[in-house]
């Protein structure tokens, strides 16, 4: 069972989340030849003050 874990900054709408989950599921099924009910997608919101790149918080 494929599990896709997406971490992204908060602020996406429910419609954007639905579309992302559907597109990721469809692409996984096409690529791996598995049924849609075998694919799980976890969407995790991360606040900018909890994510850093090159030692600098995105909130800065």
PDB file of N, CA and C in Angstrom:
ATOM      1  N   UNK A   1       0.843  -1.175   0.000  1.00  0.00           N
ATOM      2  CA  UNK A   1       0.000   0.000   0.000  1.00  0.00           C
ATOM      3  C   UNK A   1       0.889   1.238   0.000  1.00  0.00           C
ATOM      4  N   UNK A   2       0.868   2.035  -1.067  1.00  0.00           N
ATOM      5  CA  UNK A   2       1.649   3.270  -1.098  1.00  0.00           C
ATOM      6  C   UNK A   2       1.075   4.310  -0.129  1.00  0.00           C
ATOM      7  N   UNK A   3       1.972   4.946   0.603  1.00  0.00           N
ATOM      8  CA  UNK A   3       1.582   6.053   1.476  1.00  0.00           C
ATOM      9  C   UNK A   3       2.432   7.258   1.086  1.00  0.00           C
ATOM     10  N   UNK A   4       1.757   8.352   0.778  1.00  0.00           N
ATOM     11  CA  UNK A   4       2.425   9.580   0.363  1.00  0.00           C
ATOM     12  C   UNK A   4       2.252  10.596   1.471  1.00  0.00           C
ATOM     13  N   UNK A   5       3.355  11.142   1.946  1.00  0.00           N
ATOM     14  CA  UNK A   5       3.325  12.116   3.027  1.00  0.00           C
ATOM     15  C   UNK A   5       3.808  13.459   2.480  1.00  0.00           C
ATOM     16  N   UNK A   6       2.936  14.471   2.514  1.00  0.00           N
ATOM     17  CA  UNK A   6       3.251  15.794   1.987  1.00  0.00           C
ATOM     18  C   UNK A   6       3.271  16.786   3.138  1.00  0.00           C
ATOM     19  N   UNK A   7       4.386  17.463   3.297  1.00  0.00           N
ATOM     20  CA  UNK A   7       4.481  18.538   4.280  1.00  0.00           C
ATOM     21  C   UNK A   7       4.565  19.844   3.505  1.00  0.00           C
ATOM     22  N   UNK A   8       3.736  20.799   3.906  1.00  0.00           N
ATOM     23  CA  UNK A   8       3.696  22.070   3.192  1.00  0.00           C
ATOM     24  C   UNK A   8       3.294  23.172   4.155  1.00  0.00           C
ATOM     25  N   UNK A   9       3.574  24.401   3.755  1.00  0.00           N
ATOM     26  CA  UNK A   9       3.153  25.534   4.576  1.00  0.00           C
ATOM     27  C   UNK A   9       1.641  25.580   4.654  1.00  0.00           C
ATOM     28  N   UNK A  10       1.137  25.997   5.801  1.00  0.00           N
ATOM     29  CA  UNK A  10      -0.303  26.112   5.983  1.00  0.00           C
ATOM     30  C   UNK A  10      -0.872  27.193   5.073  1.00  0.00           C
ATOM     31  N   UNK A  11      -2.185  27.125   4.841  1.00  0.00           N
ATOM     32  CA  UNK A  11      -2.841  28.165   4.060  1.00  0.00           C
ATOM     33  C   UNK A  11      -3.531  27.674   2.797  1.00  0.00           C
ATOM     34  N   UNK A  12      -3.385  26.384   2.455  1.00  0.00           N
ATOM     35  CA  UNK A  12      -4.061  25.875   1.261  1.00  0.00           C
ATOM     36  C   UNK A  12      -5.539  25.663   1.564  1.00  0.00           C
ATOM     37  N   UNK A  13      -6.373  25.879   0.561  1.00  0.00           N
ATOM     38  CA  UNK A  13      -7.815  25.695   0.736  1.00  0.00           C
ATOM     39  C   UNK A  13      -8.157  24.209   0.713  1.00  0.00           C
ATOM     40  N   UNK A  14      -9.345  23.878   1.163  1.00  0.00           N
ATOM     41  CA  UNK A  14      -9.809  22.499   1.135  1.00  0.00           C
ATOM     42  C   UNK A  14      -9.899  21.984  -0.309  1.00  0.00           C
ATOM     43  N   UNK A  15     -10.268  22.843  -1.229  1.00  0.00           N
ATOM     44  CA  UNK A  15     -10.333  22.441  -2.640  1.00  0.00           C
ATOM     45  C   UNK A  15      -8.951  22.132  -3.188  1.00  0.00           C
ATOM     46  N   UNK A  16      -7.950  22.923  -2.823  1.00  0.00           N
ATOM     47  CA  UNK A  16      -6.582  22.642  -3.251  1.00  0.00           C
ATOM     48  C   UNK A  16      -6.110  21.307  -2.684  1.00  0.00           C
ATOM     49  N   UNK A  17      -6.470  21.037  -1.444  1.00  0.00           N
ATOM     50  CA  UNK A  17      -6.091  19.784  -0.799  1.00  0.00           C
ATOM     51  C   UNK A  17      -6.761  18.586  -1.488  1.00  0.00           C
ATOM     52  N   UNK A  18      -8.041  18.735  -1.802  1.00  0.00           N
ATOM     53  CA  UNK A  18      -8.762  17.667  -2.505  1.00  0.00           C
ATOM     54  C   UNK A  18      -8.114  17.372  -3.856  1.00  0.00           C
ATOM     55  N   UNK A  19      -7.801  18.433  -4.586  1.00  0.00           N
ATOM     56  CA  UNK A  19      -7.206  18.265  -5.905  1.00  0.00           C
ATOM     57  C   UNK A  19      -5.826  17.621  -5.799  1.00  0.00           C
ATOM     58  N   UNK A  20      -5.021  18.053  -4.839  1.00  0.00           N
ATOM     59  CA  UNK A  20      -3.699  17.468  -4.653  1.00  0.00           C
ATOM     60  C   UNK A  20      -3.799  15.984  -4.310  1.00  0.00           C
ATOM     61  N   UNK A  21      -4.677  15.639  -3.386  1.00  0.00           N
ATOM     62  CA  UNK A  21      -4.847  14.240  -2.996  1.00  0.00           C
ATOM     63  C   UNK A  21      -5.277  13.398  -4.199  1.00  0.00           C
ATOM     64  N   UNK A  22      -6.185  13.914  -5.000  1.00  0.00           N
ATOM     65  CA  UNK A  22      -6.675  13.188  -6.190  1.00  0.00           C
ATOM     66  C   UNK A  22      -5.562  13.018  -7.222  1.00  0.00           C
ATOM     67  N   UNK A  23      -4.830  14.092  -7.495  1.00  0.00           N
ATOM     68  CA  UNK A  23      -3.753  14.034  -8.495  1.00  0.00           C
ATOM     69  C   UNK A  23      -2.635  13.095  -8.052  1.00  0.00           C
ATOM     70  N   UNK A  24      -2.265  13.140  -6.781  1.00  0.00           N
ATOM     71  CA  UNK A  24      -1.232  12.239  -6.280  1.00  0.00           C
ATOM     72  C   UNK A  24      -1.687  10.784  -6.356  1.00  0.00           C
ATOM     73  N   UNK A  25      -2.945  10.552  -6.006  1.00  0.00           N
ATOM     74  CA  UNK A  25      -3.495   9.193  -6.074  1.00  0.00           C
ATOM     75  C   UNK A  25      -3.530   8.693  -7.505  1.00  0.00           C
ATOM     76  N   UNK A  26      -4.036   9.514  -8.419  1.00  0.00           N
ATOM     77  CA  UNK A  26      -4.114   9.115  -9.830  1.00  0.00           C
ATOM     78  C   UNK A  26      -2.736   8.801 -10.401  1.00  0.00           C
ATOM     79  N   UNK A  27      -1.748   9.654 -10.119  1.00  0.00           N
ATOM     80  CA  UNK A  27      -0.394   9.442 -10.636  1.00  0.00           C
ATOM     81  C   UNK A  27       0.217   8.167 -10.061  1.00  0.00           C
ATOM     82  N   UNK A  28      -0.031   7.908  -8.796  1.00  0.00           N
ATOM     83  CA  UNK A  28       0.497   6.698  -8.158  1.00  0.00           C
ATOM     84  C   UNK A  28      -0.123   5.455  -8.770  1.00  0.00           C
ATOM     85  N   UNK A  29      -1.421   5.481  -8.992  1.00  0.00           N
ATOM     86  CA  UNK A  29      -2.105   4.335  -9.598  1.00  0.00           C
ATOM     87  C   UNK A  29      -1.611   4.075 -11.016  1.00  0.00           C
ATOM     88  N   UNK A  30      -1.435   5.129 -11.795  1.00  0.00           N
ATOM     89  CA  UNK A  30      -0.921   4.969 -13.167  1.00  0.00           C
ATOM     90  C   UNK A  30       0.487   4.387 -13.155  1.00  0.00           C
ATOM     91  N   UNK A  31       1.318   4.892 -12.268  1.00  0.00           N
ATOM     92  CA  UNK A  31       2.723   4.493 -12.235  1.00  0.00           C
ATOM     93  C   UNK A  31       2.931   3.102 -11.656  1.00  0.00           C
ATOM     94  N   UNK A  32       2.229   2.791 -10.575  1.00  0.00           N
ATOM     95  CA  UNK A  32       2.444   1.529  -9.874  1.00  0.00           C
ATOM     96  C   UNK A  32       1.434   0.449 -10.233  1.00  0.00           C
ATOM     97  N   UNK A  33       0.371   0.834 -10.937  1.00  0.00           N
ATOM     98  CA  UNK A  33      -0.639  -0.138 -11.322  1.00  0.00           C
ATOM     99  C   UNK A  33      -1.449  -0.666 -10.150  1.00  0.00           C
ATOM    100  N   UNK A  34      -1.686   0.183  -9.174  1.00  0.00           N
ATOM    101  CA  UNK A  34      -2.452  -0.238  -8.002  1.00  0.00           C
ATOM    102  C   UNK A  34      -3.823   0.450  -8.002  1.00  0.00           C
ATOM    103  N   UNK A  35      -4.777  -0.101  -7.257  1.00  0.00           N
ATOM    104  CA  UNK A  35      -6.089   0.539  -7.176  1.00  0.00           C
ATOM    105  C   UNK A  35      -6.036   1.772  -6.267  1.00  0.00           C
ATOM    106  N   UNK A  36      -6.943   2.699  -6.510  1.00  0.00           N
ATOM    107  CA  UNK A  36      -6.968   3.946  -5.736  1.00  0.00           C
ATOM    108  C   UNK A  36      -7.162   3.693  -4.244  1.00  0.00           C
ATOM    109  N   UNK A  37      -7.913   2.655  -3.898  1.00  0.00           N
ATOM    110  CA  UNK A  37      -8.154   2.425  -2.470  1.00  0.00           C
ATOM    111  C   UNK A  37      -6.933   1.852  -1.748  1.00  0.00           C
ATOM    112  N   UNK A  38      -5.857   1.610  -2.488  1.00  0.00           N
ATOM    113  CA  UNK A  38      -4.611   1.167  -1.863  1.00  0.00           C
ATOM    114  C   UNK A  38      -3.687   2.336  -1.529  1.00  0.00           C
ATOM    115  N   UNK A  39      -4.035   3.530  -2.002  1.00  0.00           N
ATOM    116  CA  UNK A  39      -3.165   4.702  -1.844  1.00  0.00           C
ATOM    117  C   UNK A  39      -3.650   5.571  -0.689  1.00  0.00           C
ATOM    118  N   UNK A  40      -2.735   5.906   0.186  1.00  0.00           N
ATOM    119  CA  UNK A  40      -3.039   6.840   1.278  1.00  0.00           C
ATOM    120  C   UNK A  40      -2.202   8.096   1.085  1.00  0.00           C
ATOM    121  N   UNK A  41      -2.817   9.250   1.347  1.00  0.00           N
ATOM    122  CA  UNK A  41      -2.131  10.536   1.251  1.00  0.00           C
ATOM    123  C   UNK A  41      -2.306  11.257   2.586  1.00  0.00           C
ATOM    124  N   UNK A  42      -1.199  11.669   3.169  1.00  0.00           N
ATOM    125  CA  UNK A  42      -1.237  12.433   4.418  1.00  0.00           C
ATOM    126  C   UNK A  42      -0.746  13.836   4.110  1.00  0.00           C
ATOM    127  N   UNK A  43      -1.583  14.827   4.382  1.00  0.00           N
ATOM    128  CA  UNK A  43      -1.224  16.231   4.169  1.00  0.00           C
ATOM    129  C   UNK A  43      -0.990  16.867   5.536  1.00  0.00           C
ATOM    130  N   UNK A  44       0.198  17.391   5.738  1.00  0.00           N
ATOM    131  CA  UNK A  44       0.558  17.981   7.018  1.00  0.00           C
ATOM    132  C   UNK A  44       0.901  19.451   6.829  1.00  0.00           C
ATOM    133  N   UNK A  45       0.205  20.317   7.546  1.00  0.00           N
ATOM    134  CA  UNK A  45       0.519  21.745   7.527  1.00  0.00           C
ATOM    135  C   UNK A  45       1.664  22.026   8.488  1.00  0.00           C
ATOM    136  N   UNK A  46       2.584  22.850   8.038  1.00  0.00           N
ATOM    137  CA  UNK A  46       3.701  23.264   8.879  1.00  0.00           C
ATOM    138  C   UNK A  46       3.722  24.787   8.900  1.00  0.00           C
ATOM    139  N   UNK A  47       3.781  25.335  10.091  1.00  0.00           N
ATOM    140  CA  UNK A  47       3.875  26.790  10.209  1.00  0.00           C
ATOM    141  C   UNK A  47       5.270  27.241   9.799  1.00  0.00           C
ATOM    142  N   UNK A  48       5.362  28.418   9.212  1.00  0.00           N
ATOM    143  CA  UNK A  48       6.648  28.902   8.701  1.00  0.00           C
ATOM    144  C   UNK A  48       7.704  29.029   9.791  1.00  0.00           C
ATOM    145  N   UNK A  49       7.292  29.256  11.022  1.00  0.00           N
ATOM    146  CA  UNK A  49       8.277  29.354  12.102  1.00  0.00           C
ATOM    147  C   UNK A  49       8.797  27.981  12.531  1.00  0.00           C
ATOM    148  N   UNK A  50       8.239  26.916  11.976  1.00  0.00           N
ATOM    149  CA  UNK A  50       8.686  25.556  12.274  1.00  0.00           C
ATOM    150  C   UNK A  50       9.438  24.911  11.109  1.00  0.00           C
ATOM    151  N   UNK A  51       9.827  25.712  10.116  1.00  0.00           N
ATOM    152  CA  UNK A  51      10.516  25.183   8.936  1.00  0.00           C
ATOM    153  C   UNK A  51      11.677  26.112   8.619  1.00  0.00           C
ATOM    154  N   UNK A  52      12.836  25.529   8.413  1.00  0.00           N
ATOM    155  CA  UNK A  52      14.024  26.341   8.133  1.00  0.00           C
ATOM    156  C   UNK A  52      14.756  25.790   6.917  1.00  0.00           C
ATOM    157  N   UNK A  53      15.486  26.671   6.270  1.00  0.00           N
ATOM    158  CA  UNK A  53      16.351  26.288   5.160  1.00  0.00           C
ATOM    159  C   UNK A  53      17.637  27.082   5.301  1.00  0.00           C
ATOM    160  N   UNK A  54      18.750  26.424   5.145  1.00  0.00           N
ATOM    161  CA  UNK A  54      20.069  27.061   5.258  1.00  0.00           C
ATOM    162  C   UNK A  54      20.218  27.778   6.604  1.00  0.00           C
ATOM    163  N   UNK A  55      19.617  27.202   7.641  1.00  0.00           N
ATOM    164  CA  UNK A  55      19.746  27.759   8.982  1.00  0.00           C
ATOM    165  C   UNK A  55      18.863  28.948   9.279  1.00  0.00           C
ATOM    166  N   UNK A  56      17.919  29.245   8.391  1.00  0.00           N
ATOM    167  CA  UNK A  56      17.068  30.422   8.575  1.00  0.00           C
ATOM    168  C   UNK A  56      15.605  29.998   8.509  1.00  0.00           C
ATOM    169  N   UNK A  57      14.806  30.434   9.510  1.00  0.00           N
ATOM    170  CA  UNK A  57      13.380  30.136   9.500  1.00  0.00           C
ATOM    171  C   UNK A  57      12.675  30.841   8.339  1.00  0.00           C
ATOM    172  N   UNK A  58      11.726  30.183   7.747  1.00  0.00           N
ATOM    173  CA  UNK A  58      10.958  30.807   6.671  1.00  0.00           C
ATOM    174  C   UNK A  58      10.130  31.981   7.168  1.00  0.00           C
ATOM    175  N   UNK A  59       9.852  32.029   8.457  1.00  0.00           N
ATOM    176  CA  UNK A  59       9.086  33.149   9.002  1.00  0.00           C
ATOM    177  C   UNK A  59       9.936  34.413   9.141  1.00  0.00           C
ATOM    178  N   UNK A  60      11.252  34.274   9.054  1.00  0.00           N
ATOM    179  CA  UNK A  60      12.137  35.455   9.194  1.00  0.00           C
ATOM    180  C   UNK A  60      12.284  36.196   7.882  1.00  0.00           C
TER     181      UNK A  60
END
